[in-house]
Every structure is written in structure tokens, then in C-alpha cells.
Amino acid sequence: MENCLNYARTKYKSIEEYKHDINETIEDMISNNERLTFAIIVKKSHITPFTINKYPKLRKYILYKIKYYKEIQVINKKIHKSVSSLLSSNKTLTFTSIASKCGFSLSTVYNNDYIKNKIRMELINNKDLK
């Protein structure tokens, strides 16, 4: 009898509260440089399988966020590696040199605000090292 689920003590949050918890968990994992996986995010967010069954949109939301943040991590690594490579080879840091060293096409760079802003921030942060 002790293996039965006690519904009287089970409390579900709203889906927005779960999304907030998921975002905080992912940001914490990224700051600690941990690997983003569905199971770890669910565990750290204190989401049970019953909650996933109650809110099926949470599964899609978590998978979307994992994909999004992994793409961000890849972009950040490419840009950082390109800047380091250009600085070590004593080449000038320009917007187009970083973009071409990353392997991004110029149309991709100009259409993606995140990439544009990240390259600009790297240029600002490294303006003394040029």
C-alpha cells in the first residue's frame, strides 16, 4: 500500500512556473558548463513523469530550449576560437574577418542578431589587443 501515489499531497504548479524553473535550471547548468540533457534538466527542475504527462507541452518546451542553448553554445565557441586564432596570428580583428574565420556566410551574420551582437562584443572586448 505504501507504493501507491498519494494525490492528496501532490501539488502541481502552473505550466508557466515550470517553464520558469526550467529556464533557471538551464541557465545554471550553462554557467557551470554542464551537459544539457533532457533527463538532467527534468531532475534538477523537480519535474516528475506525472507532471510531463499532465503538461505534454513541457516536453516540447524542454527539447526546444536544449536545442536553442546548444546552438548558442556552438556559436559562442566558434566566435571565441576565431578571435583567439586571429589574435595569436597577429591579424587584425574586423567584423568580416571574425565572420569568415567562423565559417558563417555574411548573409547569415547579417540576418542573425545574436551573431552580430556577439561579434561586436568580441570586437569591443578586444579593441586594445588589436
C-alpha atoms as a PDB file:
ATOM      1  CA  MET A   1       0.000   0.000   0.000  1.00  0.00           C
ATOM      2  CA  GLU A   2       2.922   2.358   0.575  1.00  0.00           C
ATOM      3  CA  ASN A   3       3.794   2.312  -3.154  1.00  0.00           C
ATOM      4  CA  CYS A   4       0.514   3.983  -4.091  1.00  0.00           C
ATOM      5  CA  LEU A   5       0.603   7.594  -5.195  1.00  0.00           C
ATOM      6  CA  ASN A   6      -0.907   9.935  -2.656  1.00  0.00           C
ATOM      7  CA  TYR A   7      -2.850  12.507  -4.684  1.00  0.00           C
ATOM      8  CA  ALA A   8      -3.801  14.481  -1.600  1.00  0.00           C
ATOM      9  CA  ARG A   9      -0.231  15.719  -1.090  1.00  0.00           C
ATOM     10  CA  THR A  10       0.727  16.108  -4.747  1.00  0.00           C
ATOM     11  CA  LYS A  11       0.694  19.750  -5.809  1.00  0.00           C
ATOM     12  CA  TYR A  12       1.109  20.814  -9.407  1.00  0.00           C
ATOM     13  CA  LYS A  13       2.337  24.253 -10.398  1.00  0.00           C
ATOM     14  CA  SER A  14       1.137  26.090 -13.453  1.00  0.00           C
ATOM     15  CA  ILE A  15       2.928  25.478 -16.725  1.00  0.00           C
ATOM     16  CA  GLU A  16       4.452  28.974 -16.584  1.00  0.00           C
ATOM     17  CA  GLU A  17       6.028  28.213 -13.202  1.00  0.00           C
ATOM     18  CA  TYR A  18       7.528  25.023 -14.609  1.00  0.00           C
ATOM     19  CA  LYS A  19       8.882  26.934 -17.617  1.00  0.00           C
ATOM     20  CA  HIS A  20      10.478  29.452 -15.268  1.00  0.00           C
ATOM     21  CA  ASP A  21      12.089  26.623 -13.268  1.00  0.00           C
ATOM     22  CA  ILE A  22      13.344  25.024 -16.490  1.00  0.00           C
ATOM     23  CA  ASN A  23      14.896  28.289 -17.694  1.00  0.00           C
ATOM     24  CA  GLU A  24      16.645  28.826 -14.353  1.00  0.00           C
ATOM     25  CA  THR A  25      17.939  25.256 -14.367  1.00  0.00           C
ATOM     26  CA  ILE A  26      19.292  25.543 -17.915  1.00  0.00           C
ATOM     27  CA  GLU A  27      20.991  28.877 -17.206  1.00  0.00           C
ATOM     28  CA  ASP A  28      22.535  27.429 -14.043  1.00  0.00           C
ATOM     29  CA  MET A  29      23.780  24.385 -15.952  1.00  0.00           C
ATOM     30  CA  ILE A  30      25.286  26.566 -18.681  1.00  0.00           C
ATOM     31  CA  SER A  31      27.061  28.770 -16.143  1.00  0.00           C
ATOM     32  CA  ASN A  32      28.515  25.607 -14.550  1.00  0.00           C
ATOM     33  CA  ASN A  33      29.438  24.285 -18.015  1.00  0.00           C
ATOM     34  CA  GLU A  34      27.340  21.146 -17.532  1.00  0.00           C
ATOM     35  CA  ARG A  35      25.974  18.994 -20.318  1.00  0.00           C
ATOM     36  CA  LEU A  36      22.373  19.757 -21.299  1.00  0.00           C
ATOM     37  CA  THR A  37      20.242  16.623 -21.427  1.00  0.00           C
ATOM     38  CA  PHE A  38      16.523  16.144 -21.035  1.00  0.00           C
ATOM     39  CA  ALA A  39      16.810  13.808 -18.037  1.00  0.00           C
ATOM     40  CA  ILE A  40      19.166  16.046 -16.072  1.00  0.00           C
ATOM     41  CA  ILE A  41      17.089  19.167 -16.693  1.00  0.00           C
ATOM     42  CA  VAL A  42      13.895  17.389 -15.618  1.00  0.00           C
ATOM     43  CA  LYS A  43      15.572  16.030 -12.496  1.00  0.00           C
ATOM     44  CA  LYS A  44      17.098  19.358 -11.462  1.00  0.00           C
ATOM     45  CA  SER A  45      13.816  21.178 -12.142  1.00  0.00           C
ATOM     46  CA  HIS A  46      11.965  18.712  -9.882  1.00  0.00           C
ATOM     47  CA  ILE A  47       9.590  17.676 -12.644  1.00  0.00           C
ATOM     48  CA  THR A  48       8.063  14.222 -12.302  1.00  0.00           C
ATOM     49  CA  PRO A  49       6.848  11.932 -15.090  1.00  0.00           C
ATOM     50  CA  PHE A  50       3.329  12.658 -13.853  1.00  0.00           C
ATOM     51  CA  THR A  51       3.913  16.351 -14.490  1.00  0.00           C
ATOM     52  CA  ILE A  52       5.146  15.640 -18.022  1.00  0.00           C
ATOM     53  CA  ASN A  53       2.001  13.578 -18.617  1.00  0.00           C
ATOM     54  CA  LYS A  54      -0.178  16.357 -17.243  1.00  0.00           C
ATOM     55  CA  TYR A  55       1.553  19.039 -19.333  1.00  0.00           C
ATOM     56  CA  PRO A  56       2.751  17.408 -22.594  1.00  0.00           C
ATOM     57  CA  LYS A  57       3.857  20.816 -23.888  1.00  0.00           C
ATOM     58  CA  LEU A  58       6.628  20.819 -21.285  1.00  0.00           C
ATOM     59  CA  ARG A  59       8.468  18.033 -23.119  1.00  0.00           C
ATOM     60  CA  LYS A  60       8.490  20.048 -26.351  1.00  0.00           C
ATOM     61  CA  TYR A  61       9.455  23.191 -24.454  1.00  0.00           C
ATOM     62  CA  ILE A  62      12.434  21.487 -22.783  1.00  0.00           C
ATOM     63  CA  LEU A  63      13.634  19.952 -26.058  1.00  0.00           C
ATOM     64  CA  TYR A  64      13.292  23.314 -27.832  1.00  0.00           C
ATOM     65  CA  LYS A  65      15.278  25.084 -25.094  1.00  0.00           C
ATOM     66  CA  ILE A  66      18.004  22.426 -25.183  1.00  0.00           C
ATOM     67  CA  LYS A  67      18.332  22.827 -28.956  1.00  0.00           C
ATOM     68  CA  TYR A  68      18.358  26.629 -28.686  1.00  0.00           C
ATOM     69  CA  TYR A  69      21.016  26.790 -25.970  1.00  0.00           C
ATOM     70  CA  LYS A  70      23.206  24.185 -27.664  1.00  0.00           C
ATOM     71  CA  GLU A  71      23.173  26.305 -30.832  1.00  0.00           C
ATOM     72  CA  ILE A  72      24.109  29.343 -28.748  1.00  0.00           C
ATOM     73  CA  GLN A  73      26.993  27.415 -27.175  1.00  0.00           C
ATOM     74  CA  VAL A  74      28.270  26.349 -30.611  1.00  0.00           C
ATOM     75  CA  ILE A  75      28.123  29.929 -31.896  1.00  0.00           C
ATOM     76  CA  ASN A  76      29.930  31.239 -28.810  1.00  0.00           C
ATOM     77  CA  LYS A  77      32.678  28.625 -29.118  1.00  0.00           C
ATOM     78  CA  LYS A  78      33.184  29.343 -32.833  1.00  0.00           C
ATOM     79  CA  ILE A  79      33.440  33.076 -32.287  1.00  0.00           C
ATOM     80  CA  HIS A  80      35.766  32.746 -29.289  1.00  0.00           C
ATOM     81  CA  LYS A  81      38.001  30.275 -31.119  1.00  0.00           C
ATOM     82  CA  SER A  82      38.135  32.536 -34.189  1.00  0.00           C
ATOM     83  CA  VAL A  83      39.046  35.596 -32.146  1.00  0.00           C
ATOM     84  CA  SER A  84      41.774  33.669 -30.322  1.00  0.00           C
ATOM     85  CA  SER A  85      43.135  32.373 -33.617  1.00  0.00           C
ATOM     86  CA  LEU A  86      43.180  35.821 -35.214  1.00  0.00           C
ATOM     87  CA  LEU A  87      44.876  37.361 -32.186  1.00  0.00           C
ATOM     88  CA  SER A  88      47.522  34.639 -31.985  1.00  0.00           C
ATOM     89  CA  SER A  89      48.367  35.032 -35.680  1.00  0.00           C
ATOM     90  CA  ASN A  90      48.657  38.832 -35.261  1.00  0.00           C
ATOM     91  CA  LYS A  91      45.902  39.553 -37.766  1.00  0.00           C
ATOM     92  CA  THR A  92      43.576  42.497 -37.385  1.00  0.00           C
ATOM     93  CA  LEU A  93      40.216  41.914 -35.800  1.00  0.00           C
ATOM     94  CA  THR A  94      37.423  43.102 -38.033  1.00  0.00           C
ATOM     95  CA  PHE A  95      33.799  42.148 -38.244  1.00  0.00           C
ATOM     96  CA  THR A  96      34.239  40.345 -41.556  1.00  0.00           C
ATOM     97  CA  SER A  97      37.473  38.608 -40.539  1.00  0.00           C
ATOM     98  CA  ILE A  98      35.777  37.083 -37.490  1.00  0.00           C
ATOM     99  CA  ALA A  99      32.709  36.095 -39.509  1.00  0.00           C
ATOM    100  CA  SER A 100      34.752  34.457 -42.264  1.00  0.00           C
ATOM    101  CA  LYS A 101      37.051  32.703 -39.768  1.00  0.00           C
ATOM    102  CA  CYS A 102      33.948  31.245 -38.062  1.00  0.00           C
ATOM    103  CA  GLY A 103      32.699  29.934 -41.380  1.00  0.00           C
ATOM    104  CA  PHE A 104      29.496  31.960 -41.275  1.00  0.00           C
ATOM    105  CA  SER A 105      28.240  33.406 -44.528  1.00  0.00           C
ATOM    106  CA  LEU A 106      27.759  37.154 -44.445  1.00  0.00           C
ATOM    107  CA  SER A 107      24.034  36.785 -45.097  1.00  0.00           C
ATOM    108  CA  THR A 108      23.755  34.510 -42.049  1.00  0.00           C
ATOM    109  CA  VAL A 109      25.649  37.006 -39.920  1.00  0.00           C
ATOM    110  CA  TYR A 110      23.604  39.987 -41.020  1.00  0.00           C
ATOM    111  CA  ASN A 111      20.282  38.174 -40.591  1.00  0.00           C
ATOM    112  CA  ASN A 112      21.106  36.773 -37.150  1.00  0.00           C
ATOM    113  CA  ASP A 113      21.077  39.475 -34.481  1.00  0.00           C
ATOM    114  CA  TYR A 114      22.695  37.252 -31.858  1.00  0.00           C
ATOM    115  CA  ILE A 115      25.740  36.552 -34.032  1.00  0.00           C
ATOM    116  CA  LYS A 116      26.062  40.233 -34.955  1.00  0.00           C
ATOM    117  CA  ASN A 117      25.919  41.332 -31.331  1.00  0.00           C
ATOM    118  CA  LYS A 118      28.316  38.621 -30.176  1.00  0.00           C
ATOM    119  CA  ILE A 119      30.907  39.596 -32.802  1.00  0.00           C
ATOM    120  CA  ARG A 120      30.502  43.271 -31.881  1.00  0.00           C
ATOM    121  CA  MET A 121      31.010  42.458 -28.200  1.00  0.00           C
ATOM    122  CA  GLU A 122      34.169  40.495 -29.016  1.00  0.00           C
ATOM    123  CA  LEU A 123      35.464  43.446 -31.040  1.00  0.00           C
ATOM    124  CA  ILE A 124      34.746  45.817 -28.147  1.00  0.00           C
ATOM    125  CA  ASN A 125      36.318  43.490 -25.580  1.00  0.00           C
ATOM    126  CA  ASN A 126      39.460  43.006 -27.673  1.00  0.00           C
ATOM    127  CA  LYS A 127      39.909  46.510 -29.091  1.00  0.00           C
ATOM    128  CA  ASP A 128      43.057  47.052 -27.010  1.00  0.00           C
ATOM    129  CA  LEU A 129      44.618  43.800 -28.231  1.00  0.00           C
ATOM    130  CA  LYS A 130      44.417  44.511 -31.976  1.00  0.00           C
END
